[in-house]
Amino acid sequence: MQLTITDSAAARISTLIQTENSSGILRLRIRVSGGGCSGFQYGFVLDDALLPDDLVFGKDDVSVIIDEISLGLLDGSQVDYVEDLSSASFVIKNPNAASSCGCGNSFSL
C-alpha cells in the first residue's frame, strides 16, 4: 500500500498543525466515506489518535493517517495542496477513481 505526499501538502499540514496549539501529536487523517455527488467522499481532519487499523505515511516532519479500509480506495494516490486565485485545498490524485466531481471532493470507482 502506498500514498505519496507532495512538498506543498507537507508544508500546509505543518502550518495547520503549528496553529492548533495541541498538546498531542497531530497528524492529518484522510478518510473515505460513502456520499458526495459521486459515491465516495474524502474527509480531512487533524487527529491526535492512532487507531489499531491506521497506517501512517510521513514526509518531512508531518504524518498522514489513513485507516485500512480507506487506504484500499486510496492506494497509489498522491496528496497535494493546491492554491489558486479562487480556492486553496487538499487535492487527492487517485488512480483508482473512475470519475470525480467538479470540486474534486468526491469520486466513484
C-alpha atoms as a PDB file:
ATOM      1  CA  MET A   1       0.000   0.000   0.000  1.00  0.00           C
ATOM      2  CA  GLN A   2       1.353   3.372  -0.995  1.00  0.00           C
ATOM      3  CA  LEU A   3       0.482   7.053  -0.599  1.00  0.00           C
ATOM      4  CA  THR A   4       2.585   9.994  -1.774  1.00  0.00           C
ATOM      5  CA  ILE A   5       2.575  13.385  -0.050  1.00  0.00           C
ATOM      6  CA  THR A   6       3.788  16.357  -2.097  1.00  0.00           C
ATOM      7  CA  ASP A   7       6.052  19.066  -0.693  1.00  0.00           C
ATOM      8  CA  SER A   8       3.152  21.527  -0.924  1.00  0.00           C
ATOM      9  CA  ALA A   9       0.841  19.237   1.094  1.00  0.00           C
ATOM     10  CA  ALA A  10       3.523  18.590   3.719  1.00  0.00           C
ATOM     11  CA  ALA A  11       4.129  22.322   4.133  1.00  0.00           C
ATOM     12  CA  ARG A  12       0.399  23.048   4.537  1.00  0.00           C
ATOM     13  CA  ILE A  13      -0.079  20.194   7.024  1.00  0.00           C
ATOM     14  CA  SER A  14       2.860  21.535   9.049  1.00  0.00           C
ATOM     15  CA  THR A  15       1.335  25.035   9.081  1.00  0.00           C
ATOM     16  CA  LEU A  16      -2.060  23.712  10.198  1.00  0.00           C
ATOM     17  CA  ILE A  17      -0.507  21.668  12.997  1.00  0.00           C
ATOM     18  CA  GLN A  18       1.528  24.637  14.239  1.00  0.00           C
ATOM     19  CA  THR A  19      -1.596  26.812  14.501  1.00  0.00           C
ATOM     20  CA  GLU A  20      -3.519  24.231  16.571  1.00  0.00           C
ATOM     21  CA  ASN A  21      -1.521  24.595  19.843  1.00  0.00           C
ATOM     22  CA  SER A  22      -2.301  20.982  20.748  1.00  0.00           C
ATOM     23  CA  SER A  23      -0.507  19.089  23.497  1.00  0.00           C
ATOM     24  CA  GLY A  24      -0.744  15.839  21.493  1.00  0.00           C
ATOM     25  CA  ILE A  25       0.986  14.714  18.324  1.00  0.00           C
ATOM     26  CA  LEU A  26      -1.249  15.856  15.489  1.00  0.00           C
ATOM     27  CA  ARG A  27      -1.438  14.192  12.108  1.00  0.00           C
ATOM     28  CA  LEU A  28      -3.674  14.754   9.095  1.00  0.00           C
ATOM     29  CA  ARG A  29      -6.288  11.998   8.930  1.00  0.00           C
ATOM     30  CA  ILE A  30      -7.731  11.271   5.497  1.00  0.00           C
ATOM     31  CA  ARG A  31     -10.763   9.037   5.316  1.00  0.00           C
ATOM     32  CA  VAL A  32     -13.093   7.928   2.597  1.00  0.00           C
ATOM     33  CA  SER A  33     -16.795   7.618   3.346  1.00  0.00           C
ATOM     34  CA  GLY A  34     -19.897   6.969   1.304  1.00  0.00           C
ATOM     35  CA  GLY A  35     -21.613  10.061  -0.023  1.00  0.00           C
ATOM     36  CA  GLY A  36     -20.857  13.114  -2.045  1.00  0.00           C
ATOM     37  CA  CYS A  37     -22.119  13.632  -5.558  1.00  0.00           C
ATOM     38  CA  SER A  38     -20.021  10.765  -6.992  1.00  0.00           C
ATOM     39  CA  GLY A  39     -20.476   7.972  -4.439  1.00  0.00           C
ATOM     40  CA  PHE A  40     -17.436   8.344  -2.154  1.00  0.00           C
ATOM     41  CA  GLN A  41     -16.114  11.480  -0.493  1.00  0.00           C
ATOM     42  CA  TYR A  42     -12.802  12.474   1.064  1.00  0.00           C
ATOM     43  CA  GLY A  43     -12.633  13.767   4.625  1.00  0.00           C
ATOM     44  CA  PHE A  44      -9.714  15.648   6.199  1.00  0.00           C
ATOM     45  CA  VAL A  45      -9.187  16.326   9.907  1.00  0.00           C
ATOM     46  CA  LEU A  46      -6.260  16.878  12.260  1.00  0.00           C
ATOM     47  CA  ASP A  47      -6.178  13.996  14.739  1.00  0.00           C
ATOM     48  CA  ASP A  48      -4.023  13.046  17.722  1.00  0.00           C
ATOM     49  CA  ALA A  49      -5.400   9.488  17.991  1.00  0.00           C
ATOM     50  CA  LEU A  50      -3.807   6.496  16.343  1.00  0.00           C
ATOM     51  CA  LEU A  51      -6.158   3.525  15.989  1.00  0.00           C
ATOM     52  CA  PRO A  52      -5.110  -0.140  15.559  1.00  0.00           C
ATOM     53  CA  ASP A  53      -6.047  -0.272  11.848  1.00  0.00           C
ATOM     54  CA  ASP A  54      -4.357   3.039  10.954  1.00  0.00           C
ATOM     55  CA  LEU A  55      -1.425   3.250   8.592  1.00  0.00           C
ATOM     56  CA  VAL A  56       0.922   6.235   8.869  1.00  0.00           C
ATOM     57  CA  PHE A  57       2.663   7.870   5.925  1.00  0.00           C
ATOM     58  CA  GLY A  58       5.254  10.561   6.510  1.00  0.00           C
ATOM     59  CA  LYS A  59       7.027  13.321   4.665  1.00  0.00           C
ATOM     60  CA  ASP A  60       9.471  15.715   6.271  1.00  0.00           C
ATOM     61  CA  ASP A  61       8.129  16.417   9.778  1.00  0.00           C
ATOM     62  CA  VAL A  62       4.443  15.585   9.147  1.00  0.00           C
ATOM     63  CA  SER A  63       2.361  12.422   9.067  1.00  0.00           C
ATOM     64  CA  VAL A  64      -0.844  11.414   7.322  1.00  0.00           C
ATOM     65  CA  ILE A  65      -3.054   8.721   8.866  1.00  0.00           C
ATOM     66  CA  ILE A  66      -5.365   6.542   6.800  1.00  0.00           C
ATOM     67  CA  ASP A  67      -7.457   3.674   8.103  1.00  0.00           C
ATOM     68  CA  GLU A  68      -7.081   0.320   6.363  1.00  0.00           C
ATOM     69  CA  ILE A  69     -10.477   0.458   4.629  1.00  0.00           C
ATOM     70  CA  SER A  70      -9.918   3.963   3.244  1.00  0.00           C
ATOM     71  CA  LEU A  71      -6.438   3.029   2.088  1.00  0.00           C
ATOM     72  CA  GLY A  72      -7.932   0.282  -0.047  1.00  0.00           C
ATOM     73  CA  LEU A  73      -9.641   3.059  -2.020  1.00  0.00           C
ATOM     74  CA  LEU A  74      -6.645   5.420  -1.911  1.00  0.00           C
ATOM     75  CA  ASP A  75      -3.770   3.048  -2.648  1.00  0.00           C
ATOM     76  CA  GLY A  76      -1.307   4.675  -5.044  1.00  0.00           C
ATOM     77  CA  SER A  77      -2.810   8.147  -4.570  1.00  0.00           C
ATOM     78  CA  GLN A  78      -0.991  11.438  -4.248  1.00  0.00           C
ATOM     79  CA  VAL A  79      -1.983  14.042  -1.631  1.00  0.00           C
ATOM     80  CA  ASP A  80      -1.327  17.574  -2.848  1.00  0.00           C
ATOM     81  CA  TYR A  81      -2.213  21.079  -1.673  1.00  0.00           C
ATOM     82  CA  VAL A  82      -3.193  23.494  -4.426  1.00  0.00           C
ATOM     83  CA  GLU A  83      -3.748  27.243  -4.211  1.00  0.00           C
ATOM     84  CA  ASP A  84      -5.092  29.436  -6.992  1.00  0.00           C
ATOM     85  CA  LEU A  85      -6.950  32.751  -7.220  1.00  0.00           C
ATOM     86  CA  SER A  86     -10.317  31.281  -6.254  1.00  0.00           C
ATOM     87  CA  SER A  87      -9.507  28.495  -3.768  1.00  0.00           C
ATOM     88  CA  ALA A  88      -6.992  26.564  -1.716  1.00  0.00           C
ATOM     89  CA  SER A  89      -7.482  22.904  -0.821  1.00  0.00           C
ATOM     90  CA  PHE A  90      -6.011  19.468  -0.433  1.00  0.00           C
ATOM     91  CA  VAL A  91      -6.350  17.513  -3.661  1.00  0.00           C
ATOM     92  CA  ILE A  92      -6.231  13.735  -3.950  1.00  0.00           C
ATOM     93  CA  LYS A  93      -4.928  12.407  -7.253  1.00  0.00           C
ATOM     94  CA  ASN A  94      -6.478   8.961  -7.045  1.00  0.00           C
ATOM     95  CA  PRO A  95      -5.595   6.409  -9.749  1.00  0.00           C
ATOM     96  CA  ASN A  96      -8.442   4.156  -8.518  1.00  0.00           C
ATOM     97  CA  ALA A  97     -11.166   6.725  -9.257  1.00  0.00           C
ATOM     98  CA  ALA A  98     -13.095   6.169 -12.481  1.00  0.00           C
ATOM     99  CA  SER A  99     -14.587   9.665 -12.221  1.00  0.00           C
ATOM    100  CA  SER A 100     -14.781  12.554  -9.794  1.00  0.00           C
ATOM    101  CA  CYS A 101     -16.993  15.547  -9.227  1.00  0.00           C
ATOM    102  CA  GLY A 102     -16.074  19.025 -10.402  1.00  0.00           C
ATOM    103  CA  CYS A 103     -14.815  20.159  -6.994  1.00  0.00           C
ATOM    104  CA  GLY A 104     -12.681  17.044  -6.527  1.00  0.00           C
ATOM    105  CA  ASN A 105     -14.105  16.178  -3.096  1.00  0.00           C
ATOM    106  CA  SER A 106     -15.861  13.014  -4.213  1.00  0.00           C
ATOM    107  CA  PHE A 107     -15.227  10.169  -6.630  1.00  0.00           C
ATOM    108  CA  SER A 108     -16.616   6.925  -7.998  1.00  0.00           C
ATOM    109  CA  LEU A 109     -14.953   3.622  -8.798  1.00  0.00           C
END
